[in-house]
């Protein structure tokens, strides 16, 4: 996959610009991949906190480490 970013392509005899990551690509990645994954992880961590810490007194969630 890395090779396709390095190799210039010819389209009808003209060298096309190489693919490159842009600021928009990073923004879309953050909005549509990173934030949803972090939100799901936070929700699961909060569920574990309330399911385990309150009844049993044992803390298994990241919220316990935070304070």
N, C-alpha and C. Protein backbone atom coordinates (compact mmCIF):
# COMPACT_ATOMS: atom_id res chain seq x y z
N UNK A 1 0.82 -1.19 0.00
CA UNK A 1 0.00 0.00 0.00
C UNK A 1 0.86 1.26 0.00
N UNK A 2 1.98 1.22 0.66
CA UNK A 2 2.86 2.39 0.70
C UNK A 2 3.40 2.69 -0.70
N UNK A 3 3.60 1.64 -1.50
CA UNK A 3 4.17 1.85 -2.83
C UNK A 3 3.24 2.69 -3.71
N UNK A 4 1.93 2.59 -3.51
CA UNK A 4 1.04 3.37 -4.36
C UNK A 4 1.12 4.87 -4.05
N UNK A 5 1.63 5.24 -2.88
CA UNK A 5 1.80 6.65 -2.57
C UNK A 5 3.12 7.20 -3.12
N UNK A 6 4.05 6.33 -3.43
CA UNK A 6 5.36 6.77 -3.92
C UNK A 6 5.44 6.79 -5.44
N UNK A 7 4.74 5.90 -6.09
CA UNK A 7 4.88 5.72 -7.53
C UNK A 7 4.00 6.72 -8.29
N UNK A 8 4.59 7.57 -9.10
CA UNK A 8 3.76 8.48 -9.89
C UNK A 8 3.02 7.71 -10.99
N UNK A 9 1.79 8.07 -11.24
CA UNK A 9 0.99 7.41 -12.26
C UNK A 9 0.90 8.27 -13.50
N UNK A 10 0.79 7.57 -14.62
CA UNK A 10 0.56 8.28 -15.89
C UNK A 10 -0.89 8.09 -16.29
N UNK A 11 -1.54 9.19 -16.58
CA UNK A 11 -2.91 9.16 -17.06
C UNK A 11 -2.91 9.82 -18.43
N UNK A 12 -3.16 9.01 -19.45
CA UNK A 12 -3.12 9.46 -20.85
C UNK A 12 -1.79 10.14 -21.18
N UNK A 13 -0.71 9.60 -20.64
CA UNK A 13 0.62 10.10 -20.95
C UNK A 13 1.09 11.25 -20.07
N UNK A 14 0.24 11.75 -19.21
CA UNK A 14 0.60 12.85 -18.32
C UNK A 14 0.78 12.30 -16.91
N UNK A 15 1.86 12.71 -16.25
CA UNK A 15 2.10 12.25 -14.90
C UNK A 15 1.13 12.96 -13.95
N UNK A 16 0.30 12.16 -13.27
CA UNK A 16 -0.69 12.70 -12.33
C UNK A 16 -0.01 12.94 -10.99
N UNK A 17 -0.48 13.91 -10.23
CA UNK A 17 0.10 14.13 -8.90
C UNK A 17 -0.12 12.92 -8.00
N UNK A 18 0.82 12.70 -7.09
CA UNK A 18 0.73 11.56 -6.19
C UNK A 18 -0.36 11.78 -5.16
N UNK A 19 -0.86 10.67 -4.62
CA UNK A 19 -1.83 10.75 -3.54
C UNK A 19 -1.12 11.27 -2.30
N UNK A 20 -1.84 12.04 -1.52
CA UNK A 20 -1.26 12.55 -0.30
C UNK A 20 -2.36 12.74 0.74
N UNK A 21 -1.95 12.63 1.98
CA UNK A 21 -2.88 12.88 3.06
C UNK A 21 -3.04 14.38 3.23
N UNK A 22 -4.26 14.81 3.47
CA UNK A 22 -4.54 16.23 3.60
C UNK A 22 -5.11 16.53 4.97
N UNK A 23 -5.27 17.80 5.26
CA UNK A 23 -5.87 18.21 6.53
C UNK A 23 -7.32 17.73 6.59
N UNK A 24 -8.02 17.77 5.45
CA UNK A 24 -9.40 17.30 5.43
C UNK A 24 -9.49 15.82 5.73
N UNK A 25 -8.55 15.05 5.23
CA UNK A 25 -8.54 13.61 5.52
C UNK A 25 -8.33 13.37 7.01
N UNK A 26 -7.45 14.13 7.62
CA UNK A 26 -7.22 13.99 9.06
C UNK A 26 -8.46 14.40 9.85
N UNK A 27 -9.13 15.46 9.40
CA UNK A 27 -10.34 15.91 10.08
C UNK A 27 -11.45 14.87 9.98
N UNK A 28 -11.65 14.31 8.80
CA UNK A 28 -12.65 13.26 8.63
C UNK A 28 -12.31 12.04 9.47
N UNK A 29 -11.03 11.68 9.54
CA UNK A 29 -10.63 10.55 10.37
C UNK A 29 -10.97 10.80 11.83
N UNK A 30 -10.66 11.99 12.31
CA UNK A 30 -10.95 12.31 13.71
C UNK A 30 -12.46 12.30 13.97
N UNK A 31 -13.23 12.92 13.08
CA UNK A 31 -14.67 13.03 13.30
C UNK A 31 -15.42 11.71 13.14
N UNK A 32 -15.04 10.91 12.16
CA UNK A 32 -15.82 9.73 11.84
C UNK A 32 -15.21 8.41 12.32
N UNK A 33 -13.97 8.43 12.79
CA UNK A 33 -13.36 7.19 13.28
C UNK A 33 -12.92 7.34 14.73
N UNK A 34 -12.07 8.31 15.01
CA UNK A 34 -11.47 8.42 16.34
C UNK A 34 -12.50 8.79 17.41
N UNK A 35 -13.30 9.82 17.17
CA UNK A 35 -14.26 10.24 18.20
C UNK A 35 -15.33 9.19 18.48
N UNK A 36 -15.91 8.54 17.47
CA UNK A 36 -16.87 7.48 17.80
C UNK A 36 -16.26 6.31 18.58
N UNK A 37 -15.04 5.93 18.22
CA UNK A 37 -14.38 4.84 18.95
C UNK A 37 -14.13 5.25 20.40
N UNK A 38 -13.66 6.48 20.61
CA UNK A 38 -13.43 6.96 21.97
C UNK A 38 -14.73 7.09 22.75
N UNK A 39 -15.80 7.51 22.10
CA UNK A 39 -17.09 7.63 22.78
C UNK A 39 -17.61 6.26 23.21
N UNK A 40 -17.49 5.27 22.35
CA UNK A 40 -17.92 3.91 22.71
C UNK A 40 -17.07 3.37 23.84
N UNK A 41 -15.77 3.59 23.79
CA UNK A 41 -14.88 3.12 24.86
C UNK A 41 -15.21 3.80 26.18
N UNK A 42 -15.50 5.10 26.15
CA UNK A 42 -15.86 5.80 27.37
C UNK A 42 -17.18 5.29 27.93
N UNK A 43 -18.15 5.03 27.05
CA UNK A 43 -19.44 4.50 27.51
C UNK A 43 -19.28 3.12 28.15
N UNK A 44 -18.48 2.26 27.52
CA UNK A 44 -18.25 0.93 28.10
C UNK A 44 -17.49 1.02 29.42
N UNK A 45 -16.54 1.92 29.51
CA UNK A 45 -15.78 2.09 30.74
C UNK A 45 -16.68 2.60 31.86
N UNK A 46 -17.57 3.52 31.55
CA UNK A 46 -18.51 4.02 32.55
C UNK A 46 -19.47 2.93 32.99
N UNK A 47 -19.92 2.10 32.05
CA UNK A 47 -20.80 0.98 32.41
C UNK A 47 -20.09 0.00 33.33
N UNK A 48 -18.83 -0.30 33.05
CA UNK A 48 -18.07 -1.20 33.92
C UNK A 48 -17.89 -0.58 35.30
N UNK A 49 -17.66 0.72 35.34
CA UNK A 49 -17.49 1.41 36.62
C UNK A 49 -18.74 1.26 37.49
N UNK A 50 -19.90 1.52 36.92
CA UNK A 50 -21.12 1.45 37.71
C UNK A 50 -21.55 0.01 37.98
N UNK A 51 -21.20 -0.93 37.11
CA UNK A 51 -21.59 -2.32 37.30
C UNK A 51 -20.71 -3.04 38.30
N UNK A 52 -19.45 -2.66 38.42
CA UNK A 52 -18.51 -3.40 39.27
C UNK A 52 -18.16 -2.63 40.54
N UNK A 53 -17.90 -1.36 40.42
CA UNK A 53 -17.42 -0.60 41.58
C UNK A 53 -18.51 -0.42 42.62
N UNK A 54 -19.69 -0.05 42.21
CA UNK A 54 -20.76 0.21 43.19
C UNK A 54 -21.16 -1.05 43.97
N UNK A 55 -21.49 -2.15 43.30
CA UNK A 55 -21.94 -3.32 44.09
C UNK A 55 -20.81 -4.05 44.82
N UNK A 56 -19.65 -4.17 44.21
CA UNK A 56 -18.60 -5.02 44.77
C UNK A 56 -17.47 -4.26 45.44
N UNK A 57 -17.36 -2.97 45.19
CA UNK A 57 -16.29 -2.17 45.79
C UNK A 57 -14.94 -2.35 45.12
N UNK A 58 -14.90 -3.07 44.01
CA UNK A 58 -13.66 -3.27 43.27
C UNK A 58 -13.70 -2.41 42.02
N UNK A 59 -12.65 -1.67 41.81
CA UNK A 59 -12.66 -0.76 40.67
C UNK A 59 -11.82 -1.34 39.53
N UNK A 60 -12.45 -1.45 38.37
CA UNK A 60 -11.77 -1.98 37.19
C UNK A 60 -11.75 -0.97 36.05
N UNK A 61 -12.27 0.20 36.27
CA UNK A 61 -12.41 1.17 35.19
C UNK A 61 -11.31 2.23 35.26
N UNK A 62 -11.13 2.95 34.15
CA UNK A 62 -10.15 4.03 34.09
C UNK A 62 -10.58 5.20 34.97
N UNK A 63 -11.90 5.34 35.16
CA UNK A 63 -12.40 6.43 36.02
C UNK A 63 -11.85 6.33 37.43
N UNK A 64 -11.56 5.14 37.91
CA UNK A 64 -11.00 4.99 39.26
C UNK A 64 -9.57 5.50 39.32
N UNK A 65 -8.82 5.29 38.26
CA UNK A 65 -7.44 5.76 38.24
C UNK A 65 -7.38 7.28 38.15
N UNK A 66 -8.39 7.87 37.53
CA UNK A 66 -8.40 9.33 37.35
C UNK A 66 -8.67 10.05 38.65
N UNK A 67 -9.26 9.39 39.59
CA UNK A 67 -9.48 10.06 40.87
C UNK A 67 -10.81 9.82 41.35
